[in-house]
Amino acid sequence: MKQVSVTRRRGARAAAASEALPRPFPLTPRGQRTRQALLDAAEKVFGELGFHNAGIVEITQAAKVALGTFYLYFPDKRTIFRELVRTLNTQLRASIRQRVQGLDERIEVEVAGFEEFFRFVREHHNLYRVVLQAETVDEDIYRWHYRTIASGYVRGLRVAQSKGQVRGDLDAETLAYALMGMSEALGMRSVLWEGKLPSAAARRTIRGLLEGGLAAKKRERSA
């Protein structure tokens, strides 16, 4: 009897987990547009109202679709929230990759990456509010967001260290998180609070910090 009870509980948890998964990605262009419209609306609604005050009704109204249409793509509010974090994360990383494409010197990559992050935040100003909410709404997706960004950052920094472009005595993971924190704080200060990109003086300061703190010495480069 005890084994049957355990099996039933496991089955119930598996069913609940299955229900929380997003629906299969739509194959038709129209379906893809509708799904993206729901995510765009969720970004706006969660950013403005907060997860707990926002409802599926508000999301569908903002997306200009029928209430029942929501359930063709997402089973519940928490699932679309998780998918929104993943989507914003993917879009941010893709934007930065595109911006730095073709750049070889790491300092130039960093400067361009900072610039693209600020531009992305100006376009998606609710990114901060959504990610901040994720810490209490779904801690797993909150940690996933930062770890996913950091993992790619660390790989790039280690490659730059192997080329002698970044000091080899620095821990790449610590450096990645420090740089992420700097970009987030500056983006919040200028883009989110004041609604504008960092000033020329701020950008010169960023470059100066990067050049002074990251760049390998000439002797280390030639070693």
N, C-alpha and C. Protein backbone atom coordinates (compact mmCIF):
# COMPACT_ATOMS: atom_id res chain seq x y z
N MET A 1 0.83 -1.21 0.00
CA MET A 1 0.00 0.00 0.00
C MET A 1 0.87 1.26 0.00
N LYS A 2 1.95 1.19 0.82
CA LYS A 2 2.84 2.34 0.90
C LYS A 2 3.50 2.62 -0.44
N GLN A 3 3.92 1.54 -1.13
CA GLN A 3 4.56 1.69 -2.43
C GLN A 3 3.60 2.29 -3.44
N VAL A 4 2.33 1.89 -3.39
CA VAL A 4 1.32 2.43 -4.30
C VAL A 4 1.14 3.92 -4.06
N SER A 5 1.13 4.32 -2.77
CA SER A 5 0.97 5.73 -2.42
C SER A 5 2.13 6.56 -2.95
N VAL A 6 3.37 6.05 -2.78
CA VAL A 6 4.56 6.76 -3.28
C VAL A 6 4.50 6.89 -4.79
N THR A 7 4.09 5.81 -5.46
CA THR A 7 4.00 5.82 -6.93
C THR A 7 2.98 6.84 -7.40
N ARG A 8 1.85 6.92 -6.68
CA ARG A 8 0.83 7.88 -7.06
C ARG A 8 1.33 9.31 -6.90
N ARG A 9 2.05 9.58 -5.78
CA ARG A 9 2.57 10.92 -5.56
C ARG A 9 3.56 11.30 -6.65
N ARG A 10 4.43 10.34 -6.99
CA ARG A 10 5.39 10.61 -8.07
C ARG A 10 4.68 10.89 -9.38
N GLY A 11 3.61 10.11 -9.64
CA GLY A 11 2.86 10.32 -10.86
C GLY A 11 2.19 11.68 -10.89
N ALA A 12 1.68 12.10 -9.73
CA ALA A 12 1.03 13.41 -9.65
C ALA A 12 2.02 14.52 -9.88
N ARG A 13 3.24 14.38 -9.30
CA ARG A 13 4.27 15.41 -9.51
C ARG A 13 4.68 15.47 -10.97
N ALA A 14 4.82 14.29 -11.59
CA ALA A 14 5.20 14.26 -13.01
C ALA A 14 4.14 14.90 -13.88
N ALA A 15 2.86 14.63 -13.54
CA ALA A 15 1.78 15.23 -14.32
C ALA A 15 1.76 16.73 -14.16
N ALA A 16 1.99 17.20 -12.91
CA ALA A 16 2.02 18.65 -12.67
C ALA A 16 3.15 19.30 -13.43
N ALA A 17 4.31 18.64 -13.43
CA ALA A 17 5.45 19.20 -14.16
C ALA A 17 5.16 19.23 -15.64
N SER A 18 4.49 18.20 -16.16
CA SER A 18 4.17 18.16 -17.58
C SER A 18 3.22 19.28 -17.96
N GLU A 19 2.24 19.54 -17.07
CA GLU A 19 1.26 20.59 -17.35
C GLU A 19 1.91 21.97 -17.36
N ALA A 20 3.03 22.12 -16.63
CA ALA A 20 3.67 23.43 -16.53
C ALA A 20 4.55 23.75 -17.72
N LEU A 21 4.74 22.77 -18.59
CA LEU A 21 5.58 23.01 -19.76
C LEU A 21 4.84 23.85 -20.79
N PRO A 22 5.56 24.72 -21.53
CA PRO A 22 4.91 25.46 -22.61
C PRO A 22 4.36 24.49 -23.66
N ARG A 23 3.35 24.92 -24.36
CA ARG A 23 2.82 24.10 -25.44
C ARG A 23 3.88 23.99 -26.55
N PRO A 24 3.78 22.97 -27.41
CA PRO A 24 4.74 22.85 -28.51
C PRO A 24 4.82 24.14 -29.32
N PHE A 25 6.03 24.46 -29.75
CA PHE A 25 6.23 25.71 -30.50
C PHE A 25 5.43 25.67 -31.79
N PRO A 26 4.63 26.70 -32.06
CA PRO A 26 3.78 26.70 -33.26
C PRO A 26 4.61 26.69 -34.54
N LEU A 27 4.14 25.93 -35.51
CA LEU A 27 4.87 25.78 -36.76
C LEU A 27 4.50 26.86 -37.77
N THR A 28 3.28 27.36 -37.71
CA THR A 28 2.84 28.33 -38.71
C THR A 28 3.34 29.73 -38.34
N PRO A 29 3.61 30.56 -39.32
CA PRO A 29 4.02 31.95 -39.04
C PRO A 29 2.99 32.69 -38.19
N ARG A 30 1.71 32.44 -38.45
CA ARG A 30 0.67 33.12 -37.67
C ARG A 30 0.74 32.70 -36.20
N GLY A 31 0.92 31.41 -35.97
CA GLY A 31 1.01 30.92 -34.60
C GLY A 31 2.23 31.48 -33.88
N GLN A 32 3.33 31.58 -34.59
CA GLN A 32 4.55 32.15 -34.00
C GLN A 32 4.36 33.62 -33.65
N ARG A 33 3.66 34.34 -34.52
CA ARG A 33 3.40 35.76 -34.24
C ARG A 33 2.49 35.92 -33.02
N THR A 34 1.48 35.05 -32.91
CA THR A 34 0.58 35.13 -31.76
C THR A 34 1.32 34.81 -30.47
N ARG A 35 2.15 33.79 -30.50
CA ARG A 35 2.92 33.43 -29.31
C ARG A 35 3.84 34.58 -28.89
N GLN A 36 4.49 35.20 -29.87
CA GLN A 36 5.38 36.31 -29.54
C GLN A 36 4.59 37.51 -29.03
N ALA A 37 3.39 37.72 -29.59
CA ALA A 37 2.55 38.82 -29.11
C ALA A 37 2.17 38.62 -27.64
N LEU A 38 1.92 37.38 -27.26
CA LEU A 38 1.61 37.08 -25.86
C LEU A 38 2.83 37.34 -24.97
N LEU A 39 4.01 36.96 -25.44
CA LEU A 39 5.22 37.21 -24.65
C LEU A 39 5.51 38.70 -24.54
N ASP A 40 5.32 39.43 -25.63
CA ASP A 40 5.52 40.89 -25.59
C ASP A 40 4.54 41.53 -24.61
N ALA A 41 3.31 41.06 -24.64
CA ALA A 41 2.30 41.59 -23.72
C ALA A 41 2.65 41.24 -22.28
N ALA A 42 3.13 40.02 -22.06
CA ALA A 42 3.52 39.60 -20.72
C ALA A 42 4.67 40.46 -20.19
N GLU A 43 5.61 40.79 -21.06
CA GLU A 43 6.72 41.66 -20.67
C GLU A 43 6.19 43.01 -20.16
N LYS A 44 5.22 43.55 -20.86
CA LYS A 44 4.64 44.84 -20.48
C LYS A 44 3.82 44.72 -19.20
N VAL A 45 2.97 43.72 -19.14
CA VAL A 45 2.04 43.58 -18.01
C VAL A 45 2.79 43.22 -16.72
N PHE A 46 3.69 42.24 -16.80
CA PHE A 46 4.45 41.87 -15.61
C PHE A 46 5.34 43.02 -15.15
N GLY A 47 5.88 43.77 -16.11
CA GLY A 47 6.73 44.89 -15.75
C GLY A 47 5.96 46.00 -15.07
N GLU A 48 4.74 46.25 -15.52
CA GLU A 48 3.95 47.36 -14.99
C GLU A 48 3.15 46.99 -13.74
N LEU A 49 2.59 45.78 -13.72
CA LEU A 49 1.70 45.39 -12.62
C LEU A 49 2.37 44.47 -11.60
N GLY A 50 3.42 43.78 -12.02
CA GLY A 50 4.02 42.78 -11.16
C GLY A 50 3.34 41.43 -11.36
N PHE A 51 4.09 40.36 -11.09
CA PHE A 51 3.57 39.02 -11.35
C PHE A 51 2.27 38.75 -10.59
N HIS A 52 2.23 39.08 -9.32
CA HIS A 52 1.08 38.70 -8.49
C HIS A 52 -0.16 39.53 -8.80
N ASN A 53 0.01 40.74 -9.27
CA ASN A 53 -1.15 41.58 -9.61
C ASN A 53 -1.60 41.39 -11.06
N ALA A 54 -0.71 40.87 -11.89
CA ALA A 54 -1.04 40.66 -13.30
C ALA A 54 -1.86 39.39 -13.45
N GLY A 55 -2.76 39.40 -14.43
CA GLY A 55 -3.56 38.22 -14.71
C GLY A 55 -3.51 37.87 -16.18
N ILE A 56 -3.97 36.70 -16.50
CA ILE A 56 -4.00 36.26 -17.89
C ILE A 56 -4.91 37.16 -18.71
N VAL A 57 -5.96 37.66 -18.09
CA VAL A 57 -6.87 38.58 -18.80
C VAL A 57 -6.11 39.81 -19.27
N GLU A 58 -5.31 40.40 -18.38
CA GLU A 58 -4.54 41.59 -18.75
C GLU A 58 -3.55 41.29 -19.87
N ILE A 59 -2.96 40.11 -19.83
CA ILE A 59 -1.98 39.73 -20.86
C ILE A 59 -2.67 39.58 -22.21
N THR A 60 -3.81 38.90 -22.23
CA THR A 60 -4.50 38.70 -23.52
C THR A 60 -5.07 40.01 -24.04
N GLN A 61 -5.51 40.87 -23.15
CA GLN A 61 -6.00 42.18 -23.60
C GLN A 61 -4.87 42.99 -24.22
N ALA A 62 -3.70 42.96 -23.59
CA ALA A 62 -2.56 43.70 -24.13
C ALA A 62 -2.09 43.11 -25.46
N ALA A 63 -2.24 41.79 -25.60
CA ALA A 63 -1.85 41.12 -26.85
C ALA A 63 -2.93 41.21 -27.91
N LYS A 64 -4.13 41.65 -27.51
CA LYS A 64 -5.28 41.77 -28.41
C LYS A 64 -5.68 40.42 -29.00
N VAL A 65 -5.74 39.42 -28.10
CA VAL A 65 -6.20 38.09 -28.51
C VAL A 65 -7.26 37.64 -27.52
N ALA A 66 -8.04 36.63 -27.91
CA ALA A 66 -9.08 36.10 -27.03
C ALA A 66 -8.47 35.38 -25.85
N LEU A 67 -9.19 35.35 -24.74
CA LEU A 67 -8.68 34.71 -23.53
C LEU A 67 -8.33 33.24 -23.79
N GLY A 68 -9.18 32.55 -24.51
CA GLY A 68 -8.92 31.13 -24.78
C GLY A 68 -7.67 30.88 -25.60
N THR A 69 -7.27 31.88 -26.39
CA THR A 69 -6.08 31.73 -27.22
C THR A 69 -4.84 31.53 -26.36
N PHE A 70 -4.81 32.15 -25.19
CA PHE A 70 -3.65 32.03 -24.29
C PHE A 70 -3.32 30.57 -24.03
N TYR A 71 -4.35 29.77 -23.78
CA TYR A 71 -4.15 28.38 -23.36
C TYR A 71 -3.73 27.47 -24.51
N LEU A 72 -3.75 27.98 -25.71
CA LEU A 72 -3.19 27.22 -26.83
C LEU A 72 -1.67 27.23 -26.80
N TYR A 73 -1.10 28.21 -26.08
CA TYR A 73 0.34 28.40 -26.07
C TYR A 73 0.98 28.20 -24.70
N PHE A 74 0.24 28.51 -23.64
CA PHE A 74 0.78 28.40 -22.28
C PHE A 74 -0.30 27.88 -21.34
N PRO A 75 0.04 26.96 -20.44
CA PRO A 75 -0.98 26.41 -19.54
C PRO A 75 -1.36 27.31 -18.38
N ASP A 76 -0.45 28.22 -17.99
CA ASP A 76 -0.75 29.08 -16.84
C ASP A 76 0.16 30.30 -16.83
N LYS A 77 -0.07 31.17 -15.87
CA LYS A 77 0.67 32.43 -15.79
C LYS A 77 2.14 32.22 -15.46
N ARG A 78 2.43 31.28 -14.56
CA ARG A 78 3.82 31.04 -14.18
C ARG A 78 4.65 30.54 -15.37
N THR A 79 4.04 29.73 -16.20
CA THR A 79 4.77 29.18 -17.35
C THR A 79 5.14 30.27 -18.34
N ILE A 80 4.22 31.20 -18.62
CA ILE A 80 4.57 32.27 -19.56
C ILE A 80 5.61 33.20 -18.93
N PHE A 81 5.57 33.34 -17.60
CA PHE A 81 6.59 34.15 -16.94
C PHE A 81 7.97 33.52 -17.12
N ARG A 82 8.08 32.23 -16.89
CA ARG A 82 9.36 31.54 -17.09
C ARG A 82 9.83 31.65 -18.53
N GLU A 83 8.89 31.47 -19.45
CA GLU A 83 9.26 31.55 -20.87
C GLU A 83 9.67 32.96 -21.25
N LEU A 84 9.08 33.96 -20.63
CA LEU A 84 9.46 35.35 -20.87
C LEU A 84 10.90 35.60 -20.44
N VAL A 85 11.27 35.11 -19.25
CA VAL A 85 12.65 35.27 -18.79
C VAL A 85 13.61 34.60 -19.78
N ARG A 86 13.28 33.40 -20.21
CA ARG A 86 14.13 32.70 -21.17
C ARG A 86 14.23 33.46 -22.50
N THR A 87 13.12 34.00 -22.94
CA THR A 87 13.11 34.73 -24.21
C THR A 87 13.94 36.00 -24.14
N LEU A 88 13.77 36.78 -23.07
CA LEU A 88 14.56 38.00 -22.91
C LEU A 88 16.04 37.67 -22.80
N ASN A 89 16.35 36.63 -22.08
CA ASN A 89 17.75 36.19 -21.94
C ASN A 89 18.33 35.83 -23.30
N THR A 90 17.60 35.05 -24.08
CA THR A 90 18.07 34.63 -25.41
C THR A 90 18.23 35.83 -26.33
N GLN A 91 17.27 36.74 -26.31
CA GLN A 91 17.34 37.92 -27.16
C GLN A 91 18.52 38.81 -26.78
N LEU A 92 18.75 38.97 -25.48
CA LEU A 92 19.87 39.79 -25.03
C LEU A 92 21.20 39.21 -25.48
N ARG A 93 21.39 37.92 -25.29
CA ARG A 93 22.66 37.31 -25.68
C ARG A 93 22.87 37.34 -27.19
N ALA A 94 21.77 37.15 -27.94
CA ALA A 94 21.87 37.21 -29.40
C ALA A 94 22.24 38.62 -29.87
N SER A 95 21.66 39.64 -29.23
CA SER A 95 21.96 41.03 -29.60
C SER A 95 23.42 41.36 -29.36
N ILE A 96 23.94 40.92 -28.22
CA ILE A 96 25.34 41.20 -27.90
C ILE A 96 26.27 40.45 -28.84
N ARG A 97 25.95 39.18 -29.12
CA ARG A 97 26.78 38.41 -30.06
C ARG A 97 26.85 39.10 -31.41
N GLN A 98 25.72 39.57 -31.88
CA GLN A 98 25.69 40.25 -33.19
C GLN A 98 26.50 41.54 -33.15
N ARG A 99 26.39 42.27 -32.06
CA ARG A 99 27.10 43.55 -31.95
C ARG A 99 28.61 43.37 -31.93
N VAL A 100 29.10 42.32 -31.28
CA VAL A 100 30.56 42.15 -31.14
C VAL A 100 31.15 41.29 -32.25
N GLN A 101 30.31 40.81 -33.15
CA GLN A 101 30.80 39.95 -34.23
C GLN A 101 31.86 40.69 -35.05
N GLY A 102 32.96 40.02 -35.28
CA GLY A 102 34.04 40.60 -36.08
C GLY A 102 35.09 41.33 -35.26
N LEU A 103 34.81 41.58 -33.98
CA LEU A 103 35.79 42.23 -33.11
C LEU A 103 36.72 41.18 -32.51
N ASP A 104 38.00 41.49 -32.47
CA ASP A 104 38.96 40.51 -31.96
C ASP A 104 39.54 40.93 -30.62
N GLU A 105 39.86 42.22 -30.48
CA GLU A 105 40.45 42.69 -29.23
C GLU A 105 39.40 42.67 -28.12
N ARG A 106 39.74 42.07 -26.97
CA ARG A 106 38.75 41.88 -25.92
C ARG A 106 38.22 43.19 -25.35
N ILE A 107 39.07 44.18 -25.22
CA ILE A 107 38.58 45.46 -24.69
C ILE A 107 37.50 46.03 -25.60
N GLU A 108 37.70 45.92 -26.91
CA GLU A 108 36.68 46.41 -27.85
C GLU A 108 35.41 45.58 -27.75
N VAL A 109 35.57 44.28 -27.54
CA VAL A 109 34.40 43.41 -27.35
C VAL A 109 33.62 43.83 -26.12
N GLU A 110 34.35 44.12 -25.03
CA GLU A 110 33.68 44.53 -23.79
C GLU A 110 32.95 45.86 -23.97
N VAL A 111 33.61 46.82 -24.57
CA VAL A 111 32.99 48.14 -24.78
C VAL A 111 31.73 48.00 -25.62
N ALA A 112 31.83 47.26 -26.72
CA ALA A 112 30.66 47.06 -27.58
C ALA A 112 29.56 46.30 -26.86
N GLY A 113 29.94 45.33 -26.03
CA GLY A 113 28.96 44.57 -25.27
C GLY A 113 28.20 45.44 -24.28
N PHE A 114 28.93 46.33 -23.60
CA PHE A 114 28.27 47.26 -22.69
C PHE A 114 27.30 48.15 -23.45
N GLU A 115 27.73 48.68 -24.59
CA GLU A 115 26.87 49.56 -25.38
C GLU A 115 25.59 48.84 -25.82
N GLU A 116 25.74 47.59 -26.23
CA GLU A 116 24.58 46.84 -26.70
C GLU A 116 23.64 46.51 -25.54
N PHE A 117 24.20 46.22 -24.38
CA PHE A 117 23.35 45.96 -23.22
C PHE A 117 22.50 47.19 -22.90
N PHE A 118 23.12 48.37 -22.93
CA PHE A 118 22.37 49.60 -22.65
C PHE A 118 21.28 49.81 -23.70
N ARG A 119 21.59 49.56 -24.95
CA ARG A 119 20.59 49.71 -26.01
C ARG A 119 19.43 48.74 -25.80
N PHE A 120 19.76 47.50 -25.45
CA PHE A 120 18.73 46.48 -25.24
C PHE A 120 17.82 46.87 -24.08
N VAL A 121 18.40 47.37 -23.00
CA VAL A 121 17.62 47.77 -21.84
C VAL A 121 16.69 48.94 -22.19
N ARG A 122 17.18 49.85 -23.03
CA ARG A 122 16.32 50.97 -23.44
C ARG A 122 15.11 50.45 -24.22
N GLU A 123 15.30 49.40 -25.01
CA GLU A 123 14.20 48.82 -25.78
C GLU A 123 13.32 47.92 -24.93
N HIS A 124 13.94 47.24 -23.95
CA HIS A 124 13.21 46.32 -23.08
C HIS A 124 13.41 46.76 -21.63
N HIS A 125 12.86 47.93 -21.29
CA HIS A 125 13.12 48.49 -19.97
C HIS A 125 12.50 47.67 -18.84
N ASN A 126 11.57 46.78 -19.16
CA ASN A 126 10.98 45.93 -18.12
C ASN A 126 11.84 44.71 -17.81
N LEU A 127 12.96 44.56 -18.51
CA LEU A 127 13.87 43.45 -18.23
C LEU A 127 14.24 43.43 -16.75
N TYR A 128 14.61 44.58 -16.21
CA TYR A 128 15.00 44.65 -14.80
C TYR A 128 13.88 44.18 -13.88
N ARG A 129 12.67 44.69 -14.12
CA ARG A 129 11.56 44.38 -13.23
C ARG A 129 11.18 42.90 -13.32
N VAL A 130 11.22 42.36 -14.53
CA VAL A 130 10.86 40.95 -14.70
C VAL A 130 11.89 40.05 -14.01
N VAL A 131 13.16 40.30 -14.25
CA VAL A 131 14.21 39.47 -13.64
C VAL A 131 14.20 39.61 -12.12
N LEU A 132 13.99 40.82 -11.64
CA LEU A 132 13.93 41.02 -10.19
C LEU A 132 12.79 40.22 -9.57
N GLN A 133 11.64 40.20 -10.23
CA GLN A 133 10.50 39.42 -9.73
C GLN A 133 10.80 37.92 -9.73
N ALA A 134 11.61 37.49 -10.69
CA ALA A 134 11.91 36.07 -10.83
C ALA A 134 12.56 35.50 -9.58
N GLU A 135 13.26 36.32 -8.83
CA GLU A 135 13.93 35.83 -7.62
C GLU A 135 12.93 35.24 -6.64
N THR A 136 11.73 35.82 -6.55
CA THR A 136 10.72 35.32 -5.62
C THR A 136 9.65 34.48 -6.31
N VAL A 137 9.42 34.73 -7.59
CA VAL A 137 8.40 33.96 -8.32
C VAL A 137 8.90 32.57 -8.67
N ASP A 138 10.15 32.50 -9.14
CA ASP A 138 10.72 31.22 -9.57
C ASP A 138 12.24 31.33 -9.49
N GLU A 139 12.79 30.93 -8.36
CA GLU A 139 14.22 31.11 -8.13
C GLU A 139 15.07 30.33 -9.12
N ASP A 140 14.58 29.19 -9.60
CA ASP A 140 15.34 28.39 -10.56
C ASP A 140 15.59 29.17 -11.85
N ILE A 141 14.55 29.83 -12.36
CA ILE A 141 14.72 30.57 -13.61
C ILE A 141 15.54 31.83 -13.37
N TYR A 142 15.46 32.39 -12.17
CA TYR A 142 16.28 33.55 -11.80
C TYR A 142 17.75 33.19 -11.85
N ARG A 143 18.11 32.07 -11.24
CA ARG A 143 19.52 31.64 -11.26
C ARG A 143 19.95 31.23 -12.66
N TRP A 144 19.04 30.58 -13.38
CA TRP A 144 19.36 30.17 -14.76
C TRP A 144 19.73 31.38 -15.59
N HIS A 145 18.98 32.46 -15.43
CA HIS A 145 19.23 33.68 -16.21
C HIS A 145 20.67 34.15 -16.04
N TYR A 146 21.12 34.30 -14.82
CA TYR A 146 22.46 34.82 -14.58
C TYR A 146 23.55 33.80 -14.91
N ARG A 147 23.30 32.55 -14.59
CA ARG A 147 24.31 31.53 -14.88
C ARG A 147 24.50 31.33 -16.37
N THR A 148 23.42 31.43 -17.13
CA THR A 148 23.53 31.27 -18.58
C THR A 148 24.34 32.40 -19.20
N ILE A 149 24.07 33.62 -18.78
CA ILE A 149 24.85 34.75 -19.28
C ILE A 149 26.31 34.61 -18.85
N ALA A 150 26.53 34.26 -17.59
CA ALA A 150 27.89 34.16 -17.07
C ALA A 150 28.70 33.08 -17.76
N SER A 151 28.07 31.95 -18.08
CA SER A 151 28.83 30.84 -18.67
C SER A 151 29.44 31.23 -20.01
N GLY A 152 28.66 31.92 -20.85
CA GLY A 152 29.20 32.39 -22.12
C GLY A 152 30.26 33.46 -21.92
N TYR A 153 30.04 34.32 -20.96
CA TYR A 153 30.99 35.39 -20.64
C TYR A 153 32.34 34.78 -20.22
N VAL A 154 32.28 33.77 -19.36
CA VAL A 154 33.50 33.13 -18.88
C VAL A 154 34.28 32.51 -20.03
N ARG A 155 33.59 31.85 -20.94
CA ARG A 155 34.27 31.22 -22.08
C ARG A 155 35.01 32.28 -22.90
N GLY A 156 34.34 33.40 -23.16
CA GLY A 156 34.97 34.46 -23.94
C GLY A 156 36.19 35.05 -23.24
N LEU A 157 36.08 35.24 -21.94
CA LEU A 157 37.21 35.80 -21.19
C LEU A 157 38.39 34.84 -21.16
N ARG A 158 38.12 33.56 -21.04
CA ARG A 158 39.22 32.58 -21.02
C ARG A 158 39.92 32.52 -22.37
N VAL A 159 39.15 32.64 -23.44
CA VAL A 159 39.78 32.69 -24.77
C VAL A 159 40.68 33.92 -24.87
N ALA A 160 40.18 35.06 -24.38
CA ALA A 160 40.97 36.29 -24.40
C ALA A 160 42.22 36.16 -23.54
N GLN A 161 42.11 35.47 -22.42
CA GLN A 161 43.29 35.23 -21.58
C GLN A 161 44.31 34.37 -22.31
N SER A 162 43.82 33.37 -23.05
CA SER A 162 44.74 32.50 -23.79
C SER A 162 45.47 33.25 -24.90
N LYS A 163 44.86 34.35 -25.38
CA LYS A 163 45.47 35.17 -26.42
C LYS A 163 46.34 36.28 -25.83
N GLY A 164 46.35 36.38 -24.51
CA GLY A 164 47.13 37.44 -23.88
C GLY A 164 46.45 38.80 -23.91
N GLN A 165 45.14 38.83 -24.13
CA GLN A 165 44.41 40.10 -24.20
C GLN A 165 43.83 40.50 -22.84
N VAL A 166 43.70 39.54 -21.94
CA VAL A 166 43.19 39.79 -20.59
C VAL A 166 44.18 39.18 -19.60
N ARG A 167 44.39 39.88 -18.51
CA ARG A 167 45.35 39.42 -17.51
C ARG A 167 45.08 37.97 -17.10
N GLY A 168 46.14 37.17 -17.12
CA GLY A 168 45.99 35.76 -16.80
C GLY A 168 45.84 35.47 -15.32
N ASP A 169 46.14 36.45 -14.46
CA ASP A 169 46.04 36.23 -13.02
C ASP A 169 44.62 36.45 -12.50
N LEU A 170 43.70 36.86 -13.36
CA LEU A 170 42.32 37.11 -12.95
C LEU A 170 41.48 35.84 -13.09
N ASP A 171 40.59 35.61 -12.13
CA ASP A 171 39.65 34.50 -12.22
C ASP A 171 38.51 34.88 -13.16
N ALA A 172 38.35 34.12 -14.23
CA ALA A 172 37.40 34.49 -15.29
C ALA A 172 35.96 34.54 -14.79
N GLU A 173 35.58 33.62 -13.92
CA GLU A 173 34.19 33.61 -13.44
C GLU A 173 33.92 34.82 -12.55
N THR A 174 34.83 35.11 -11.65
CA THR A 174 34.66 36.29 -10.79
C THR A 174 34.60 37.55 -11.64
N LEU A 175 35.47 37.62 -12.64
CA LEU A 175 35.50 38.78 -13.52
C LEU A 175 34.19 38.92 -14.30
N ALA A 176 33.65 37.80 -14.77
CA ALA A 176 32.40 37.83 -15.53
C ALA A 176 31.26 38.40 -14.69
N TYR A 177 31.13 37.91 -13.46
CA TYR A 177 30.05 38.40 -12.60
C TYR A 177 30.27 39.86 -12.21
N ALA A 178 31.52 40.26 -12.01
CA ALA A 178 31.80 41.65 -11.67
C ALA A 178 31.41 42.58 -12.82
N LEU A 179 31.74 42.19 -14.04
CA LEU A 179 31.40 43.01 -15.21
C LEU A 179 29.89 43.03 -15.45
N MET A 180 29.24 41.90 -15.22
CA MET A 180 27.78 41.86 -15.34
C MET A 180 27.13 42.80 -14.33
N GLY A 181 27.66 42.80 -13.11
CA GLY A 181 27.12 43.69 -12.09
C GLY A 181 27.33 45.15 -12.44
N MET A 182 28.48 45.46 -13.02
CA MET A 182 28.75 46.84 -13.40
C MET A 182 27.80 47.31 -14.50
N SER A 183 27.59 46.47 -15.50
CA SER A 183 26.70 46.86 -16.60
C SER A 183 25.26 47.00 -16.11
N GLU A 184 24.84 46.10 -15.22
CA GLU A 184 23.47 46.18 -14.70
C GLU A 184 23.25 47.47 -13.90
N ALA A 185 24.21 47.79 -13.03
CA ALA A 185 24.06 48.98 -12.20
C ALA A 185 24.07 50.25 -13.03
N LEU A 186 24.95 50.32 -14.02
CA LEU A 186 25.00 51.50 -14.88
C LEU A 186 23.75 51.61 -15.75
N GLY A 187 23.28 50.47 -16.24
CA GLY A 187 22.05 50.48 -17.03
C GLY A 187 20.86 50.93 -16.21
N MET A 188 20.79 50.49 -14.97
CA MET A 188 19.71 50.92 -14.09
C MET A 188 19.78 52.42 -13.83
N ARG A 189 20.99 52.89 -13.56
CA ARG A 189 21.19 54.31 -13.23
C ARG A 189 20.79 55.22 -14.39
N SER A 190 21.25 54.91 -15.57
CA SER A 190 21.03 55.82 -16.71
C SER A 190 19.77 55.48 -17.50
N VAL A 191 19.70 54.25 -17.98
CA VAL A 191 18.62 53.88 -18.91
C VAL A 191 17.29 53.74 -18.20
N LEU A 192 17.27 53.00 -17.08
CA LEU A 192 16.01 52.74 -16.41
C LEU A 192 15.52 53.96 -15.65
N TRP A 193 16.38 54.60 -14.87
CA TRP A 193 15.95 55.72 -14.04
C TRP A 193 15.79 57.01 -14.82
N GLU A 194 16.72 57.28 -15.74
CA GLU A 194 16.71 58.55 -16.44
C GLU A 194 16.22 58.46 -17.88
N GLY A 195 16.07 57.24 -18.38
CA GLY A 195 15.55 57.06 -19.72
C GLY A 195 16.50 57.49 -20.82
N LYS A 196 17.80 57.40 -20.58
CA LYS A 196 18.76 57.77 -21.61
C LYS A 196 20.01 56.90 -21.50
N LEU A 197 20.75 56.85 -22.58
CA LEU A 197 21.98 56.08 -22.59
C LEU A 197 23.04 56.78 -21.73
N PRO A 198 24.01 56.04 -21.20
CA PRO A 198 25.07 56.66 -20.41
C PRO A 198 25.76 57.77 -21.19
N SER A 199 26.20 58.79 -20.48
CA SER A 199 26.85 59.94 -21.10
C SER A 199 28.21 59.56 -21.69
N ALA A 200 28.76 60.50 -22.47
CA ALA A 200 30.09 60.29 -23.05
C ALA A 200 31.13 60.11 -21.94
N ALA A 201 30.98 60.89 -20.87
CA ALA A 201 31.92 60.77 -19.75
C ALA A 201 31.81 59.39 -19.10
N ALA A 202 30.58 58.89 -18.98
CA ALA A 202 30.38 57.55 -18.40
C ALA A 202 31.01 56.49 -19.28
N ARG A 203 30.87 56.63 -20.60
CA ARG A 203 31.44 55.63 -21.51
C ARG A 203 32.97 55.69 -21.48
N ARG A 204 33.53 56.90 -21.37
CA ARG A 204 34.99 57.01 -21.25
C ARG A 204 35.47 56.34 -19.96
N THR A 205 34.70 56.49 -18.90
CA THR A 205 35.06 55.88 -17.63
C THR A 205 35.01 54.36 -17.72
N ILE A 206 33.99 53.85 -18.39
CA ILE A 206 33.88 52.40 -18.58
C ILE A 206 35.10 51.87 -19.32
N ARG A 207 35.46 52.53 -20.42
CA ARG A 207 36.62 52.08 -21.19
C ARG A 207 37.89 52.16 -20.34
N GLY A 208 38.03 53.24 -19.58
CA GLY A 208 39.21 53.38 -18.74
C GLY A 208 39.33 52.26 -17.71
N LEU A 209 38.20 51.91 -17.10
CA LEU A 209 38.21 50.83 -16.13
C LEU A 209 38.56 49.49 -16.78
N LEU A 210 38.00 49.28 -17.96
CA LEU A 210 38.28 48.03 -18.67
C LEU A 210 39.75 47.94 -19.09
N GLU A 211 40.26 49.02 -19.63
CA GLU A 211 41.66 49.03 -20.07
C GLU A 211 42.61 48.89 -18.89
N GLY A 212 42.29 49.57 -17.78
CA GLY A 212 43.19 49.52 -16.63
C GLY A 212 43.10 48.23 -15.85
N GLY A 213 41.91 47.61 -15.83
CA GLY A 213 41.73 46.43 -15.00
C GLY A 213 41.87 45.10 -15.71
N LEU A 214 41.58 45.07 -17.01
CA LEU A 214 41.58 43.79 -17.74
C LEU A 214 42.81 43.57 -18.58
N ALA A 215 43.25 44.62 -19.27
CA ALA A 215 44.28 44.44 -20.29
C ALA A 215 45.56 43.86 -19.71
N ALA A 216 46.09 42.86 -20.40
CA ALA A 216 47.35 42.25 -19.99
C ALA A 216 48.50 43.21 -20.26
N LYS A 217 49.52 43.15 -19.44
CA LYS A 217 50.70 43.98 -19.67
C LYS A 217 51.44 43.50 -20.90
N LYS A 218 52.20 44.40 -21.51
CA LYS A 218 52.91 44.05 -22.75
C LYS A 218 53.82 42.85 -22.55
N ARG A 219 54.48 42.79 -21.38
CA ARG A 219 55.38 41.68 -21.13
C ARG A 219 54.61 40.35 -21.11
N GLU A 220 53.40 40.37 -20.49
CA GLU A 220 52.58 39.15 -20.43
C GLU A 220 52.09 38.76 -21.81
N ARG A 221 51.77 39.75 -22.65
CA ARG A 221 51.31 39.45 -24.01
C ARG A 221 52.38 38.76 -24.84
N SER A 222 53.62 39.21 -24.67
CA SER A 222 54.69 38.69 -25.50
C SER A 222 55.29 37.41 -24.95
N ALA A 223 54.89 37.02 -23.74
CA ALA A 223 55.46 35.81 -23.13
C ALA A 223 55.01 34.56 -23.86
